[in-house]
Amino acid sequence: MEAVKLIGTAVAMLIGLILTPVVALATETATGNSSVASISGLKSIIELVPYIYVFVIIGAGLLTMYAFYKD
């Protein structure tokens, strides 16, 4: 049963990381918008979204694995 949890967590992380280019493309589209460029600092914050997404996906996966195997 433990192997199923590990494989499920790994698959969830893999799916999340496969979707990373979609997040990056959406971020690129958003930063190219002229209304976003006119607001000071907003473009810099939006450019951080892909990095935050990747860290959250990896962090959630690692925390889930830790929670399954901490016993």
Protein backbone atom coordinates (compact mmCIF):
# COMPACT_ATOMS: atom_id res chain seq x y z
CA MET A 1 0.00 0.00 0.00
CA GLU A 2 2.89 2.33 0.72
CA ALA A 3 4.21 1.92 -2.81
CA VAL A 4 0.86 3.04 -4.21
CA LYS A 5 1.04 6.25 -2.16
CA LEU A 6 4.58 6.89 -3.34
CA ILE A 7 3.70 6.28 -6.99
CA GLY A 8 0.57 8.44 -6.69
CA THR A 9 2.55 11.31 -5.22
CA ALA A 10 5.23 10.98 -7.91
CA VAL A 11 2.59 10.97 -10.66
CA ALA A 12 0.91 14.05 -9.20
CA MET A 13 4.25 15.87 -9.09
CA LEU A 14 5.03 14.79 -12.65
CA ILE A 15 1.68 16.07 -13.93
CA GLY A 16 2.25 19.36 -12.14
CA LEU A 17 5.69 19.73 -13.66
CA ILE A 18 4.42 18.80 -17.12
CA LEU A 19 1.97 21.71 -16.85
CA THR A 20 4.80 24.15 -16.08
CA PRO A 21 5.14 25.32 -19.74
CA VAL A 22 1.44 26.21 -19.74
CA VAL A 23 1.97 28.40 -16.67
CA ALA A 24 5.07 29.96 -18.25
CA LEU A 25 3.21 30.72 -21.48
CA ALA A 26 0.30 32.29 -19.60
CA THR A 27 2.76 34.40 -17.63
CA GLU A 28 4.50 35.52 -20.82
CA THR A 29 1.14 36.46 -22.34
CA ALA A 30 0.15 38.38 -19.22
CA THR A 31 3.40 40.33 -19.06
CA GLY A 32 3.09 41.23 -22.74
CA ASN A 33 -0.23 42.94 -22.06
CA SER A 34 0.09 46.72 -22.31
CA SER A 35 -2.13 47.35 -19.29
CA VAL A 36 0.14 45.21 -17.10
CA ALA A 37 3.25 47.03 -18.25
CA SER A 38 1.77 50.36 -17.23
CA ILE A 39 1.48 49.38 -13.55
CA SER A 40 4.76 49.73 -11.69
CA GLY A 41 6.05 46.48 -10.20
CA LEU A 42 3.18 44.29 -11.41
CA LYS A 43 5.20 42.82 -14.27
CA SER A 44 7.95 41.78 -11.84
CA ILE A 45 5.45 40.07 -9.57
CA ILE A 46 3.77 38.24 -12.46
CA GLU A 47 7.16 37.02 -13.69
CA LEU A 48 7.62 35.20 -10.36
CA VAL A 49 4.50 33.06 -10.88
CA PRO A 50 6.21 30.14 -12.72
CA TYR A 51 8.91 29.90 -10.06
CA ILE A 52 6.37 29.93 -7.25
CA TYR A 53 4.32 27.30 -9.10
CA VAL A 54 7.29 24.94 -9.44
CA PHE A 55 8.36 25.39 -5.81
CA VAL A 56 4.82 24.72 -4.58
CA ILE A 57 4.43 21.58 -6.71
CA ILE A 58 7.78 20.15 -5.60
CA GLY A 59 7.29 21.23 -1.98
CA ALA A 60 3.80 19.74 -1.76
CA GLY A 61 5.04 16.48 -3.24
CA LEU A 62 7.97 16.25 -0.85
CA LEU A 63 5.79 17.09 2.16
CA THR A 64 3.28 14.46 1.10
CA MET A 65 6.01 11.84 0.77
CA TYR A 66 7.37 12.83 4.18
CA ALA A 67 3.91 12.56 5.75
CA PHE A 68 3.48 9.04 4.34
CA TYR A 69 6.86 7.81 5.58
CA LYS A 70 7.44 9.69 8.83
CA ASP A 71 6.31 6.72 10.92
